[in-house]
Amino acid sequence: MKAPAIADQVALVTGANHGLGLAAARALADAGYRVAATDLAIDNATRELARYGERIAATPMDVTDPAAIERAFAAIEHRWGRVDVCINNAGILSYADCESTDPATWRKVLAVNLDGVMFVSQRAVHGMKTRGYGRIVNVASFAAKTGGLSPTPSYAASKGGVVSLTYSFARQYAPFGITCNAIAPAFVKTQMVTEQLSAARQAELRKMIPVGRFCELDEFAHCVLFLAHPLAGFITGEVLDLNGGLHFD
C-alpha cells in the first residue's frame, strides 16, 4: 500500500505538554502532519502550538488509564478519522536507587513509562492494521542499555521494557505495513536535566560525552521525524542511539 501523503497523516504524541514531546509535536506540525498533542495537562502545549491552528489538537490523556486512552483516541478519530503515527514519549524519572525505591515509586514509574507504551500502542494499531500503514516511535533511553550513569533502577527497567516492546511490536506488525522503532537518548536539554541535576553534575556529564555537550531538543525531534517518515518503511525493530558518542565501558 502506498503511504498517505504527510499532509493527510495524523501523528499522536504523548507527554507533549513540555520538553521532548512538545519539541516532537512542533517538528511534526512543521513537517505538515496534523498533530494530536496529548498529556495529563495540555495548557502549555495549547499555548505553544496555537500558531498551527486547526492542524493541532491538544488533548488530555493519562497513558496509565486504558479508559482515558480510549476517550482520547475517540476524540482524535472523531476529529480527523485516524492516527497514522504514534510517538510514545510520556515518561517520568525517579533518582531513587535500589534500596530507596519504595513500591509506590516503582509502580508509578513502570506505569507511566512502560504500561503507557503498551496501552497506547495497543489502541493505535487498530486503525493502522485496517489501513495497512503505521509508524510507532517509542522513546527509550541510554539507561535501557546501560542501566544509566546514576542508580535509577525503576527508570532503567522501564526503558529496558520499552526496548523489548519495540522488538515485539516490530515483529508482530511488520506484515501490516506498521513499523516500530525506538530512540535511546542520553542527555537532552530538558527539565529532567536542567532542573534535577546540579550545575556541577551537568559539567561532569558533559565531560563524559565525546561531543562535549547535551543533545538539543531539535536534534531529538529530527530523529522522531526520520523514523515517522513514510520513507522509513524498511526500518523496523531498531533502537536509534542518540548519545553524542557516550557508550558504556
C-alpha atoms as a PDB file:
ATOM      1  CA  MET A   1       0.000   0.000   0.000  1.00  0.00           C
ATOM      2  CA  LYS A   2       1.238   3.455  -0.885  1.00  0.00           C
ATOM      3  CA  ALA A   3       1.787   5.599   2.213  1.00  0.00           C
ATOM      4  CA  PRO A   4      -0.572   8.540   2.587  1.00  0.00           C
ATOM      5  CA  ALA A   5       0.877  11.988   1.996  1.00  0.00           C
ATOM      6  CA  ILE A   6       2.234  13.642   5.127  1.00  0.00           C
ATOM      7  CA  ALA A   7      -0.409  16.356   4.888  1.00  0.00           C
ATOM      8  CA  ASP A   8      -3.064  13.652   5.196  1.00  0.00           C
ATOM      9  CA  GLN A   9      -1.458  11.912   8.168  1.00  0.00           C
ATOM     10  CA  VAL A  10      -2.275  12.308  11.839  1.00  0.00           C
ATOM     11  CA  ALA A  11       0.504  11.984  14.413  1.00  0.00           C
ATOM     12  CA  LEU A  12      -0.219  11.425  18.100  1.00  0.00           C
ATOM     13  CA  VAL A  13       2.420  12.460  20.628  1.00  0.00           C
ATOM     14  CA  THR A  14       2.226  11.538  24.311  1.00  0.00           C
ATOM     15  CA  GLY A  15       3.825  13.684  27.007  1.00  0.00           C
ATOM     16  CA  ALA A  16       3.569  16.683  24.687  1.00  0.00           C
ATOM     17  CA  ASN A  17       2.995  19.479  27.193  1.00  0.00           C
ATOM     18  CA  HIS A  18       6.725  20.127  27.683  1.00  0.00           C
ATOM     19  CA  GLY A  19      10.212  19.020  26.691  1.00  0.00           C
ATOM     20  CA  LEU A  20      10.776  16.182  24.255  1.00  0.00           C
ATOM     21  CA  GLY A  21       7.110  15.679  23.457  1.00  0.00           C
ATOM     22  CA  LEU A  22       6.457  19.348  22.767  1.00  0.00           C
ATOM     23  CA  ALA A  23       9.537  19.506  20.529  1.00  0.00           C
ATOM     24  CA  ALA A  24       8.361  16.431  18.617  1.00  0.00           C
ATOM     25  CA  ALA A  25       4.845  17.808  18.223  1.00  0.00           C
ATOM     26  CA  ARG A  26       6.209  21.106  16.909  1.00  0.00           C
ATOM     27  CA  ALA A  27       8.534  19.382  14.442  1.00  0.00           C
ATOM     28  CA  LEU A  28       5.764  17.115  13.150  1.00  0.00           C
ATOM     29  CA  ALA A  29       3.468  20.092  12.674  1.00  0.00           C
ATOM     30  CA  ASP A  30       6.228  21.984  10.860  1.00  0.00           C
ATOM     31  CA  ALA A  31       6.645  18.968   8.568  1.00  0.00           C
ATOM     32  CA  GLY A  32       2.955  19.087   7.657  1.00  0.00           C
ATOM     33  CA  TYR A  33       1.380  16.445   9.883  1.00  0.00           C
ATOM     34  CA  ARG A  34      -1.835  17.037  11.775  1.00  0.00           C
ATOM     35  CA  VAL A  35      -0.801  16.527  15.381  1.00  0.00           C
ATOM     36  CA  ALA A  36      -2.663  15.334  18.461  1.00  0.00           C
ATOM     37  CA  ALA A  37      -0.574  16.633  21.364  1.00  0.00           C
ATOM     38  CA  THR A  38      -1.561  14.678  24.469  1.00  0.00           C
ATOM     39  CA  ASP A  39      -0.621  14.843  28.134  1.00  0.00           C
ATOM     40  CA  LEU A  40      -2.172  14.894  31.597  1.00  0.00           C
ATOM     41  CA  ALA A  41      -2.187  18.698  31.373  1.00  0.00           C
ATOM     42  CA  ILE A  42      -2.270  20.391  27.981  1.00  0.00           C
ATOM     43  CA  ASP A  43      -2.226  24.085  28.911  1.00  0.00           C
ATOM     44  CA  ASN A  44       1.359  24.720  27.811  1.00  0.00           C
ATOM     45  CA  ALA A  45       1.027  22.691  24.595  1.00  0.00           C
ATOM     46  CA  THR A  46      -2.155  24.593  23.759  1.00  0.00           C
ATOM     47  CA  ARG A  47      -0.314  27.910  24.072  1.00  0.00           C
ATOM     48  CA  GLU A  48       2.926  26.847  22.410  1.00  0.00           C
ATOM     49  CA  LEU A  49       1.237  25.192  19.426  1.00  0.00           C
ATOM     50  CA  ALA A  50      -1.579  27.673  18.899  1.00  0.00           C
ATOM     51  CA  ARG A  51       0.040  29.117  15.773  1.00  0.00           C
ATOM     52  CA  TYR A  52      -0.639  25.861  13.894  1.00  0.00           C
ATOM     53  CA  GLY A  53      -4.380  26.437  14.165  1.00  0.00           C
ATOM     54  CA  GLU A  54      -6.608  23.547  13.126  1.00  0.00           C
ATOM     55  CA  ARG A  55      -3.650  21.256  12.444  1.00  0.00           C
ATOM     56  CA  ILE A  56      -3.112  20.824  16.189  1.00  0.00           C
ATOM     57  CA  ALA A  57      -5.447  19.143  18.678  1.00  0.00           C
ATOM     58  CA  ALA A  58      -4.247  19.403  22.275  1.00  0.00           C
ATOM     59  CA  THR A  59      -5.993  16.508  24.006  1.00  0.00           C
ATOM     60  CA  PRO A  60      -5.804  15.392  27.654  1.00  0.00           C
ATOM     61  CA  MET A  61      -4.778  11.754  28.124  1.00  0.00           C
ATOM     62  CA  ASP A  62      -3.477   9.667  31.021  1.00  0.00           C
ATOM     63  CA  VAL A  63      -1.317   6.947  29.457  1.00  0.00           C
ATOM     64  CA  THR A  64      -1.704   4.730  32.523  1.00  0.00           C
ATOM     65  CA  ASP A  65      -5.503   4.545  32.146  1.00  0.00           C
ATOM     66  CA  PRO A  66      -6.899   2.496  29.229  1.00  0.00           C
ATOM     67  CA  ALA A  67     -10.282   4.211  29.577  1.00  0.00           C
ATOM     68  CA  ALA A  68      -8.661   7.643  29.275  1.00  0.00           C
ATOM     69  CA  ILE A  69      -6.666   6.437  26.272  1.00  0.00           C
ATOM     70  CA  GLU A  70      -9.868   5.245  24.609  1.00  0.00           C
ATOM     71  CA  ARG A  71     -11.558   8.597  25.208  1.00  0.00           C
ATOM     72  CA  ALA A  72      -8.616  10.493  23.721  1.00  0.00           C
ATOM     73  CA  PHE A  73      -8.397   8.263  20.649  1.00  0.00           C
ATOM     74  CA  ALA A  74     -12.141   8.505  20.134  1.00  0.00           C
ATOM     75  CA  ALA A  75     -11.921  12.298  20.191  1.00  0.00           C
ATOM     76  CA  ILE A  76      -8.974  12.358  17.780  1.00  0.00           C
ATOM     77  CA  GLU A  77     -10.612   9.895  15.391  1.00  0.00           C
ATOM     78  CA  HIS A  78     -13.872  11.843  15.531  1.00  0.00           C
ATOM     79  CA  ARG A  79     -11.968  14.948  14.501  1.00  0.00           C
ATOM     80  CA  TRP A  80      -9.579  13.507  11.926  1.00  0.00           C
ATOM     81  CA  GLY A  81     -10.646   9.908  11.379  1.00  0.00           C
ATOM     82  CA  ARG A  82      -7.301   8.237  12.016  1.00  0.00           C
ATOM     83  CA  VAL A  83      -3.954   8.010  13.766  1.00  0.00           C
ATOM     84  CA  ASP A  84      -1.093   7.142  11.411  1.00  0.00           C
ATOM     85  CA  VAL A  85       1.905   7.933  13.602  1.00  0.00           C
ATOM     86  CA  CYS A  86       2.198   7.212  17.323  1.00  0.00           C
ATOM     87  CA  ILE A  87       5.043   8.782  19.296  1.00  0.00           C
ATOM     88  CA  ASN A  88       5.226   7.184  22.752  1.00  0.00           C
ATOM     89  CA  ASN A  89       7.150   9.823  24.658  1.00  0.00           C
ATOM     90  CA  ALA A  90       5.380  10.220  28.035  1.00  0.00           C
ATOM     91  CA  GLY A  91       7.768   9.397  30.853  1.00  0.00           C
ATOM     92  CA  ILE A  92       8.883  10.196  34.377  1.00  0.00           C
ATOM     93  CA  LEU A  93      12.199   9.764  36.177  1.00  0.00           C
ATOM     94  CA  SER A  94      12.999   8.838  39.744  1.00  0.00           C
ATOM     95  CA  TYR A  95      16.544   9.235  41.061  1.00  0.00           C
ATOM     96  CA  ALA A  96      15.891   6.777  43.904  1.00  0.00           C
ATOM     97  CA  ASP A  97      18.487   3.991  43.970  1.00  0.00           C
ATOM     98  CA  CYS A  98      17.682   0.317  44.547  1.00  0.00           C
ATOM     99  CA  GLU A  99      17.459   0.473  48.324  1.00  0.00           C
ATOM    100  CA  SER A 100      15.470   3.696  48.450  1.00  0.00           C
ATOM    101  CA  THR A 101      12.932   2.799  45.743  1.00  0.00           C
ATOM    102  CA  ASP A 102       9.644   2.172  47.517  1.00  0.00           C
ATOM    103  CA  PRO A 103       6.833   0.119  45.954  1.00  0.00           C
ATOM    104  CA  ALA A 104       4.749   3.174  45.096  1.00  0.00           C
ATOM    105  CA  THR A 105       7.626   4.817  43.200  1.00  0.00           C
ATOM    106  CA  TRP A 106       8.442   1.588  41.355  1.00  0.00           C
ATOM    107  CA  ARG A 107       4.839   1.095  40.258  1.00  0.00           C
ATOM    108  CA  LYS A 108       4.357   4.716  39.207  1.00  0.00           C
ATOM    109  CA  VAL A 109       7.483   4.818  37.032  1.00  0.00           C
ATOM    110  CA  LEU A 110       6.652   1.482  35.406  1.00  0.00           C
ATOM    111  CA  ALA A 111       3.030   2.514  34.904  1.00  0.00           C
ATOM    112  CA  VAL A 112       3.877   5.717  33.032  1.00  0.00           C
ATOM    113  CA  ASN A 113       6.998   4.636  31.165  1.00  0.00           C
ATOM    114  CA  LEU A 114       6.140   1.050  30.238  1.00  0.00           C
ATOM    115  CA  ASP A 115       2.415   0.420  30.700  1.00  0.00           C
ATOM    116  CA  GLY A 116       1.729   3.646  28.824  1.00  0.00           C
ATOM    117  CA  VAL A 117       3.662   2.480  25.766  1.00  0.00           C
ATOM    118  CA  MET A 118       1.804  -0.822  25.818  1.00  0.00           C
ATOM    119  CA  PHE A 119      -1.694   0.600  26.212  1.00  0.00           C
ATOM    120  CA  VAL A 120      -1.304   3.499  23.767  1.00  0.00           C
ATOM    121  CA  SER A 121       0.296   1.306  21.089  1.00  0.00           C
ATOM    122  CA  GLN A 122      -2.368  -1.356  21.629  1.00  0.00           C
ATOM    123  CA  ARG A 123      -5.040   1.210  20.779  1.00  0.00           C
ATOM    124  CA  ALA A 124      -3.107   2.854  17.952  1.00  0.00           C
ATOM    125  CA  VAL A 125      -2.633  -0.311  15.907  1.00  0.00           C
ATOM    126  CA  HIS A 126      -6.381  -0.857  15.495  1.00  0.00           C
ATOM    127  CA  GLY A 127      -6.725   1.616  12.653  1.00  0.00           C
ATOM    128  CA  MET A 128      -3.178   1.144  11.393  1.00  0.00           C
ATOM    129  CA  LYS A 129      -3.807  -2.542  10.683  1.00  0.00           C
ATOM    130  CA  THR A 130      -7.031  -1.775   8.845  1.00  0.00           C
ATOM    131  CA  ARG A 131      -5.312   0.806   6.627  1.00  0.00           C
ATOM    132  CA  GLY A 132      -2.129  -1.224   6.171  1.00  0.00           C
ATOM    133  CA  TYR A 133       0.126   1.597   7.314  1.00  0.00           C
ATOM    134  CA  GLY A 134       1.535   2.986  10.534  1.00  0.00           C
ATOM    135  CA  ARG A 135       4.571   4.283  12.372  1.00  0.00           C
ATOM    136  CA  ILE A 136       5.230   3.744  16.084  1.00  0.00           C
ATOM    137  CA  VAL A 137       8.204   5.532  17.634  1.00  0.00           C
ATOM    138  CA  ASN A 138       8.995   4.759  21.264  1.00  0.00           C
ATOM    139  CA  VAL A 139      11.212   6.983  23.387  1.00  0.00           C
ATOM    140  CA  ALA A 140      13.535   4.678  25.329  1.00  0.00           C
ATOM    141  CA  SER A 141      16.782   5.818  26.935  1.00  0.00           C
ATOM    142  CA  PHE A 142      20.526   5.357  27.160  1.00  0.00           C
ATOM    143  CA  ALA A 143      19.671   3.753  30.513  1.00  0.00           C
ATOM    144  CA  ALA A 144      17.814   0.935  28.739  1.00  0.00           C
ATOM    145  CA  LYS A 145      21.124  -0.478  27.512  1.00  0.00           C
ATOM    146  CA  THR A 146      23.443   0.560  30.327  1.00  0.00           C
ATOM    147  CA  GLY A 147      21.414   0.986  33.490  1.00  0.00           C
ATOM    148  CA  GLY A 148      22.263   4.696  33.323  1.00  0.00           C
ATOM    149  CA  LEU A 149      25.094   6.692  34.822  1.00  0.00           C
ATOM    150  CA  SER A 150      23.154   7.212  38.048  1.00  0.00           C
ATOM    151  CA  PRO A 151      21.438   4.434  40.042  1.00  0.00           C
ATOM    152  CA  THR A 152      17.877   4.751  38.726  1.00  0.00           C
ATOM    153  CA  PRO A 153      16.598   1.155  38.673  1.00  0.00           C
ATOM    154  CA  SER A 154      12.912   1.909  38.117  1.00  0.00           C
ATOM    155  CA  TYR A 155      13.668   4.186  35.179  1.00  0.00           C
ATOM    156  CA  ALA A 156      16.248   1.837  33.649  1.00  0.00           C
ATOM    157  CA  ALA A 157      13.946  -1.161  33.990  1.00  0.00           C
ATOM    158  CA  SER A 158      11.013   0.691  32.455  1.00  0.00           C
ATOM    159  CA  LYS A 159      13.051   1.853  29.483  1.00  0.00           C
ATOM    160  CA  GLY A 160      14.551  -1.604  29.022  1.00  0.00           C
ATOM    161  CA  GLY A 161      10.990  -2.851  28.818  1.00  0.00           C
ATOM    162  CA  VAL A 162      10.224  -0.226  26.175  1.00  0.00           C
ATOM    163  CA  VAL A 163      13.047  -1.596  24.023  1.00  0.00           C
ATOM    164  CA  SER A 164      11.681  -5.128  24.383  1.00  0.00           C
ATOM    165  CA  LEU A 165       8.184  -3.965  23.455  1.00  0.00           C
ATOM    166  CA  THR A 166       9.676  -2.243  20.416  1.00  0.00           C
ATOM    167  CA  TYR A 167      11.160  -5.517  19.185  1.00  0.00           C
ATOM    168  CA  SER A 168       7.925  -7.381  19.880  1.00  0.00           C
ATOM    169  CA  PHE A 169       5.682  -4.865  18.126  1.00  0.00           C
ATOM    170  CA  ALA A 170       8.049  -4.613  15.158  1.00  0.00           C
ATOM    171  CA  ARG A 171       7.909  -8.331  14.519  1.00  0.00           C
ATOM    172  CA  GLN A 172       4.154  -8.646  15.034  1.00  0.00           C
ATOM    173  CA  TYR A 173       3.040  -5.706  12.922  1.00  0.00           C
ATOM    174  CA  ALA A 174       5.543  -5.639  10.053  1.00  0.00           C
ATOM    175  CA  PRO A 175       3.193  -7.707   7.833  1.00  0.00           C
ATOM    176  CA  PHE A 176       0.576  -4.951   8.216  1.00  0.00           C
ATOM    177  CA  GLY A 177       2.813  -2.133   6.989  1.00  0.00           C
ATOM    178  CA  ILE A 178       3.433  -0.874  10.525  1.00  0.00           C
ATOM    179  CA  THR A 179       6.950  -0.132  11.702  1.00  0.00           C
ATOM    180  CA  CYS A 180       8.020   0.192  15.322  1.00  0.00           C
ATOM    181  CA  ASN A 181      11.333   1.710  16.347  1.00  0.00           C
ATOM    182  CA  ALA A 182      12.785   3.360  19.422  1.00  0.00           C
ATOM    183  CA  ILE A 183      15.067   6.281  20.151  1.00  0.00           C
ATOM    184  CA  ALA A 184      17.522   5.952  23.039  1.00  0.00           C
ATOM    185  CA  PRO A 185      18.630   9.460  24.050  1.00  0.00           C
ATOM    186  CA  ALA A 186      21.347  10.028  26.623  1.00  0.00           C
ATOM    187  CA  PHE A 187      21.118  13.613  27.900  1.00  0.00           C
ATOM    188  CA  VAL A 188      18.782  16.047  26.185  1.00  0.00           C
ATOM    189  CA  LYS A 189      18.312  19.640  27.321  1.00  0.00           C
ATOM    190  CA  THR A 190      15.043  19.183  29.198  1.00  0.00           C
ATOM    191  CA  GLN A 191      13.782  19.956  32.682  1.00  0.00           C
ATOM    192  CA  MET A 192      14.889  16.475  33.774  1.00  0.00           C
ATOM    193  CA  VAL A 193      18.477  17.582  33.191  1.00  0.00           C
ATOM    194  CA  THR A 194      18.490  21.313  33.830  1.00  0.00           C
ATOM    195  CA  GLU A 195      16.291  21.279  36.933  1.00  0.00           C
ATOM    196  CA  GLN A 196      17.027  17.912  38.549  1.00  0.00           C
ATOM    197  CA  LEU A 197      20.818  17.861  38.167  1.00  0.00           C
ATOM    198  CA  SER A 198      23.205  20.325  39.797  1.00  0.00           C
ATOM    199  CA  ALA A 199      25.424  22.513  37.653  1.00  0.00           C
ATOM    200  CA  ALA A 200      28.438  20.531  38.870  1.00  0.00           C
ATOM    201  CA  ARG A 201      26.861  17.217  37.846  1.00  0.00           C
ATOM    202  CA  GLN A 202      25.912  18.625  34.466  1.00  0.00           C
ATOM    203  CA  ALA A 203      29.517  19.686  33.910  1.00  0.00           C
ATOM    204  CA  GLU A 204      30.720  16.182  34.845  1.00  0.00           C
ATOM    205  CA  LEU A 205      28.335  14.608  32.363  1.00  0.00           C
ATOM    206  CA  ARG A 206      29.326  16.920  29.521  1.00  0.00           C
ATOM    207  CA  LYS A 207      32.946  15.883  30.023  1.00  0.00           C
ATOM    208  CA  MET A 208      31.919  12.238  29.605  1.00  0.00           C
ATOM    209  CA  ILE A 209      30.145  12.863  26.295  1.00  0.00           C
ATOM    210  CA  PRO A 210      32.612  12.866  23.382  1.00  0.00           C
ATOM    211  CA  VAL A 211      30.845  15.695  21.534  1.00  0.00           C
ATOM    212  CA  GLY A 212      31.145  17.739  24.727  1.00  0.00           C
ATOM    213  CA  ARG A 213      27.542  18.845  25.134  1.00  0.00           C
ATOM    214  CA  PHE A 214      23.960  17.728  25.713  1.00  0.00           C
ATOM    215  CA  CYS A 215      21.542  16.937  22.896  1.00  0.00           C
ATOM    216  CA  GLU A 216      19.381  19.808  21.646  1.00  0.00           C
ATOM    217  CA  LEU A 217      15.619  19.358  21.535  1.00  0.00           C
ATOM    218  CA  ASP A 218      15.602  19.964  17.786  1.00  0.00           C
ATOM    219  CA  GLU A 219      18.109  17.148  17.294  1.00  0.00           C
ATOM    220  CA  PHE A 220      15.854  14.749  19.172  1.00  0.00           C
ATOM    221  CA  ALA A 221      12.826  15.909  17.177  1.00  0.00           C
ATOM    222  CA  HIS A 222      14.733  15.331  13.932  1.00  0.00           C
ATOM    223  CA  CYS A 223      15.171  11.663  14.881  1.00  0.00           C
ATOM    224  CA  VAL A 224      11.438  11.395  15.516  1.00  0.00           C
ATOM    225  CA  LEU A 225      10.721  12.834  12.076  1.00  0.00           C
ATOM    226  CA  PHE A 226      13.128  10.406  10.441  1.00  0.00           C
ATOM    227  CA  LEU A 227      11.539   7.302  11.950  1.00  0.00           C
ATOM    228  CA  ALA A 228       7.992   8.618  11.416  1.00  0.00           C
ATOM    229  CA  HIS A 229       8.549   9.375   7.731  1.00  0.00           C
ATOM    230  CA  PRO A 230       6.893   7.261   5.013  1.00  0.00           C
ATOM    231  CA  LEU A 231      10.341   6.550   3.532  1.00  0.00           C
ATOM    232  CA  ALA A 232      11.447   4.860   6.781  1.00  0.00           C
ATOM    233  CA  GLY A 233       9.264   1.873   5.951  1.00  0.00           C
ATOM    234  CA  PHE A 234      12.165  -0.599   5.675  1.00  0.00           C
ATOM    235  CA  ILE A 235      13.421   0.262   9.160  1.00  0.00           C
ATOM    236  CA  THR A 236      11.723  -1.585  11.992  1.00  0.00           C
ATOM    237  CA  GLY A 237      12.781  -3.134  15.280  1.00  0.00           C
ATOM    238  CA  GLU A 238      15.690  -0.707  15.606  1.00  0.00           C
ATOM    239  CA  VAL A 239      16.893   1.361  18.556  1.00  0.00           C
ATOM    240  CA  LEU A 240      18.472   4.613  17.409  1.00  0.00           C
ATOM    241  CA  ASP A 241      21.177   5.741  19.834  1.00  0.00           C
ATOM    242  CA  LEU A 242      21.228   9.474  20.409  1.00  0.00           C
ATOM    243  CA  ASN A 243      24.107   9.866  22.824  1.00  0.00           C
ATOM    244  CA  GLY A 244      26.867  12.047  21.367  1.00  0.00           C
ATOM    245  CA  GLY A 245      29.253   9.084  21.374  1.00  0.00           C
ATOM    246  CA  LEU A 246      28.676   8.187  25.005  1.00  0.00           C
ATOM    247  CA  HIS A 247      28.993   4.440  25.498  1.00  0.00           C
ATOM    248  CA  PHE A 248      29.056   2.130  28.466  1.00  0.00           C
ATOM    249  CA  ASP A 249      32.541   0.771  29.164  1.00  0.00           C
END
